[in-house]
């Protein structure tokens, strides 16, 4: 029973991180980072649309992982 609960928590974590990584790089808060004010090189990299797209791609990968895990949920918990 505890394994199923942990598995559901893992799936929720995948979805939460995925949604965050897809949306956050395109928000204004991403640009208002204290670290970016001190380093012009990091500012150039983090505000680049290709970098933002790569971060969003990682978010999509997390979402796809969550969907895949849901699809294979029964397979993990079959009784032998």
N, C-alpha and C. Protein backbone atom coordinates (compact mmCIF):
# COMPACT_ATOMS: atom_id res chain seq x y z
N UNK A 1 0.81 -1.20 0.00
CA UNK A 1 0.00 0.00 0.00
C UNK A 1 0.86 1.26 0.00
N UNK A 2 1.93 1.26 0.80
CA UNK A 2 2.80 2.43 0.87
C UNK A 2 3.49 2.67 -0.46
N UNK A 3 3.81 1.57 -1.19
CA UNK A 3 4.44 1.73 -2.49
C UNK A 3 3.52 2.44 -3.47
N UNK A 4 2.23 2.15 -3.42
CA UNK A 4 1.28 2.82 -4.31
C UNK A 4 1.18 4.31 -3.98
N UNK A 5 1.18 4.62 -2.70
CA UNK A 5 1.11 6.03 -2.30
C UNK A 5 2.36 6.77 -2.75
N UNK A 6 3.52 6.18 -2.57
CA UNK A 6 4.77 6.80 -3.02
C UNK A 6 4.80 6.95 -4.54
N UNK A 7 4.24 5.98 -5.22
CA UNK A 7 4.20 6.04 -6.68
C UNK A 7 3.30 7.19 -7.14
N UNK A 8 2.17 7.37 -6.49
CA UNK A 8 1.27 8.48 -6.84
C UNK A 8 1.94 9.81 -6.53
N UNK A 9 2.65 9.90 -5.43
CA UNK A 9 3.38 11.13 -5.10
C UNK A 9 4.44 11.41 -6.16
N UNK A 10 5.12 10.38 -6.63
CA UNK A 10 6.12 10.55 -7.69
C UNK A 10 5.47 11.06 -8.97
N UNK A 11 4.32 10.53 -9.33
CA UNK A 11 3.62 10.98 -10.54
C UNK A 11 3.20 12.44 -10.39
N UNK A 12 2.67 12.79 -9.23
CA UNK A 12 2.29 14.19 -8.99
C UNK A 12 3.50 15.11 -9.05
N UNK A 13 4.63 14.63 -8.53
CA UNK A 13 5.87 15.41 -8.60
C UNK A 13 6.28 15.63 -10.05
N UNK A 14 6.20 14.60 -10.87
CA UNK A 14 6.55 14.73 -12.29
C UNK A 14 5.68 15.79 -12.97
N UNK A 15 4.38 15.76 -12.69
CA UNK A 15 3.49 16.74 -13.28
C UNK A 15 3.75 18.15 -12.76
N UNK A 16 4.00 18.28 -11.47
CA UNK A 16 4.25 19.60 -10.89
C UNK A 16 5.51 20.22 -11.47
N UNK A 17 6.59 19.47 -11.50
CA UNK A 17 7.85 19.97 -12.05
C UNK A 17 7.70 20.26 -13.54
N UNK A 18 7.00 19.38 -14.25
CA UNK A 18 6.81 19.58 -15.68
C UNK A 18 6.05 20.85 -15.99
N UNK A 19 4.96 21.07 -15.30
CA UNK A 19 4.17 22.28 -15.54
C UNK A 19 4.98 23.52 -15.18
N UNK A 20 5.70 23.45 -14.06
CA UNK A 20 6.53 24.59 -13.66
C UNK A 20 7.58 24.92 -14.71
N UNK A 21 8.28 23.89 -15.20
CA UNK A 21 9.35 24.13 -16.16
C UNK A 21 8.83 24.56 -17.53
N UNK A 22 7.63 24.20 -17.87
CA UNK A 22 7.06 24.64 -19.15
C UNK A 22 6.65 26.10 -19.08
N UNK A 23 6.08 26.52 -17.96
CA UNK A 23 5.51 27.86 -17.86
C UNK A 23 6.49 28.91 -17.35
N UNK A 24 7.26 28.59 -16.33
CA UNK A 24 8.07 29.59 -15.63
C UNK A 24 9.09 30.33 -16.49
N UNK A 25 9.81 29.68 -17.41
CA UNK A 25 10.80 30.44 -18.18
C UNK A 25 10.21 31.58 -19.03
N UNK A 26 8.93 31.56 -19.25
CA UNK A 26 8.30 32.58 -20.09
C UNK A 26 7.59 33.65 -19.26
N UNK A 27 7.71 33.58 -17.95
CA UNK A 27 7.09 34.57 -17.08
C UNK A 27 8.05 35.71 -16.78
N UNK A 28 7.50 36.82 -16.34
CA UNK A 28 8.30 37.99 -16.02
C UNK A 28 9.22 37.73 -14.81
N UNK A 29 8.80 36.89 -13.90
CA UNK A 29 9.60 36.58 -12.72
C UNK A 29 10.94 35.94 -13.09
N UNK A 30 10.99 35.21 -14.21
CA UNK A 30 12.23 34.60 -14.70
C UNK A 30 13.27 35.69 -14.99
N UNK A 31 12.81 36.83 -15.49
CA UNK A 31 13.71 37.92 -15.86
C UNK A 31 14.12 38.75 -14.66
N UNK A 32 13.35 38.73 -13.58
CA UNK A 32 13.63 39.54 -12.40
C UNK A 32 14.37 38.72 -11.35
N UNK A 33 15.46 38.13 -11.75
CA UNK A 33 16.25 37.27 -10.89
C UNK A 33 17.45 38.05 -10.38
N UNK A 34 17.72 38.02 -9.10
CA UNK A 34 18.84 38.75 -8.52
C UNK A 34 20.17 38.27 -9.07
N UNK A 35 20.28 36.99 -9.33
CA UNK A 35 21.52 36.43 -9.87
C UNK A 35 21.84 37.01 -11.24
N UNK A 36 20.82 37.29 -12.03
CA UNK A 36 21.04 37.82 -13.38
C UNK A 36 21.53 39.27 -13.35
N UNK A 37 21.27 39.99 -12.29
CA UNK A 37 21.75 41.38 -12.19
C UNK A 37 23.24 41.45 -11.93
N UNK A 38 23.79 40.42 -11.31
CA UNK A 38 25.22 40.43 -10.98
C UNK A 38 26.10 39.82 -12.07
N UNK A 39 25.52 39.05 -12.95
CA UNK A 39 26.32 38.40 -13.98
C UNK A 39 25.74 38.66 -15.37
N UNK A 40 26.38 39.50 -16.14
CA UNK A 40 25.85 39.78 -17.48
C UNK A 40 25.87 38.55 -18.39
N UNK A 41 26.85 37.66 -18.20
CA UNK A 41 26.91 36.46 -19.02
C UNK A 41 25.71 35.56 -18.74
N UNK A 42 25.41 35.34 -17.45
CA UNK A 42 24.25 34.52 -17.11
C UNK A 42 22.96 35.18 -17.60
N UNK A 43 22.89 36.49 -17.54
CA UNK A 43 21.71 37.20 -18.03
C UNK A 43 21.53 36.93 -19.52
N UNK A 44 22.63 36.98 -20.26
CA UNK A 44 22.56 36.72 -21.70
C UNK A 44 22.08 35.30 -21.97
N UNK A 45 22.58 34.33 -21.21
CA UNK A 45 22.22 32.92 -21.42
C UNK A 45 20.78 32.65 -20.99
N UNK A 46 20.41 33.09 -19.79
CA UNK A 46 19.09 32.77 -19.25
C UNK A 46 17.96 33.46 -19.99
N UNK A 47 18.22 34.61 -20.57
CA UNK A 47 17.17 35.33 -21.29
C UNK A 47 17.12 34.97 -22.77
N UNK A 48 18.00 34.09 -23.19
CA UNK A 48 17.99 33.62 -24.57
C UNK A 48 16.78 32.70 -24.78
N UNK A 49 16.05 32.93 -25.87
CA UNK A 49 14.85 32.13 -26.13
C UNK A 49 15.16 30.66 -26.35
N UNK A 50 16.32 30.34 -26.87
CA UNK A 50 16.69 28.94 -27.06
C UNK A 50 16.88 28.25 -25.71
N UNK A 51 17.48 28.93 -24.75
CA UNK A 51 17.65 28.36 -23.41
C UNK A 51 16.30 28.18 -22.74
N UNK A 52 15.45 29.18 -22.86
CA UNK A 52 14.11 29.07 -22.29
C UNK A 52 13.35 27.89 -22.92
N UNK A 53 13.50 27.73 -24.21
CA UNK A 53 12.87 26.60 -24.89
C UNK A 53 13.41 25.27 -24.42
N UNK A 54 14.70 25.22 -24.15
CA UNK A 54 15.31 23.98 -23.64
C UNK A 54 14.76 23.64 -22.25
N UNK A 55 14.60 24.64 -21.41
CA UNK A 55 14.04 24.41 -20.08
C UNK A 55 12.59 23.94 -20.21
N UNK A 56 11.85 24.56 -21.11
CA UNK A 56 10.46 24.13 -21.34
C UNK A 56 10.43 22.71 -21.91
N UNK A 57 11.41 22.35 -22.72
CA UNK A 57 11.51 20.99 -23.24
C UNK A 57 11.72 19.98 -22.12
N UNK A 58 12.52 20.34 -21.12
CA UNK A 58 12.68 19.46 -19.96
C UNK A 58 11.36 19.31 -19.22
N UNK A 59 10.58 20.38 -19.18
CA UNK A 59 9.27 20.29 -18.55
C UNK A 59 8.36 19.36 -19.31
N UNK A 60 8.39 19.44 -20.63
CA UNK A 60 7.58 18.52 -21.44
C UNK A 60 8.02 17.08 -21.24
N UNK A 61 9.32 16.87 -21.10
CA UNK A 61 9.82 15.51 -20.84
C UNK A 61 9.29 15.00 -19.51
N UNK A 62 9.23 15.85 -18.49
CA UNK A 62 8.67 15.45 -17.20
C UNK A 62 7.19 15.13 -17.31
N UNK A 63 6.46 15.92 -18.07
CA UNK A 63 5.03 15.65 -18.27
C UNK A 63 4.83 14.32 -18.99
N UNK A 64 5.64 14.07 -20.01
CA UNK A 64 5.53 12.80 -20.74
C UNK A 64 5.89 11.63 -19.84
N UNK A 65 6.87 11.81 -18.97
CA UNK A 65 7.23 10.76 -18.01
C UNK A 65 6.07 10.46 -17.07
N UNK A 66 5.41 11.50 -16.60
CA UNK A 66 4.25 11.30 -15.73
C UNK A 66 3.14 10.55 -16.43
N UNK A 67 2.87 10.89 -17.69
CA UNK A 67 1.83 10.19 -18.46
C UNK A 67 2.24 8.74 -18.67
N UNK A 68 3.50 8.50 -18.98
CA UNK A 68 3.99 7.13 -19.20
C UNK A 68 3.85 6.30 -17.93
N UNK A 69 4.19 6.90 -16.80
CA UNK A 69 4.08 6.19 -15.52
C UNK A 69 2.63 5.86 -15.20
N UNK A 70 1.71 6.77 -15.50
CA UNK A 70 0.29 6.49 -15.27
C UNK A 70 -0.16 5.34 -16.16
N UNK A 71 0.29 5.32 -17.40
CA UNK A 71 -0.11 4.26 -18.33
C UNK A 71 0.39 2.89 -17.88
N UNK A 72 1.51 2.86 -17.17
CA UNK A 72 2.10 1.59 -16.74
C UNK A 72 1.92 1.34 -15.24
N UNK A 73 1.00 2.06 -14.62
CA UNK A 73 0.76 1.93 -13.18
C UNK A 73 0.38 0.51 -12.78
N UNK A 74 -0.56 -0.09 -13.49
CA UNK A 74 -1.02 -1.44 -13.14
C UNK A 74 0.09 -2.48 -13.32
N UNK A 75 0.94 -2.26 -14.29
CA UNK A 75 2.01 -3.20 -14.59
C UNK A 75 3.00 -3.30 -13.42
N UNK A 76 3.22 -2.21 -12.71
CA UNK A 76 4.16 -2.22 -11.59
C UNK A 76 3.62 -2.96 -10.37
N UNK A 77 2.30 -2.97 -10.21
CA UNK A 77 1.72 -3.48 -8.99
C UNK A 77 0.90 -4.74 -9.18
N UNK A 78 1.20 -5.51 -10.19
CA UNK A 78 0.54 -6.80 -10.36
C UNK A 78 1.02 -7.75 -9.29
N UNK A 79 0.11 -8.52 -8.76
CA UNK A 79 0.48 -9.50 -7.73
C UNK A 79 0.98 -10.76 -8.41
N UNK A 80 2.06 -11.27 -7.95
CA UNK A 80 2.65 -12.47 -8.56
C UNK A 80 1.93 -13.73 -8.12
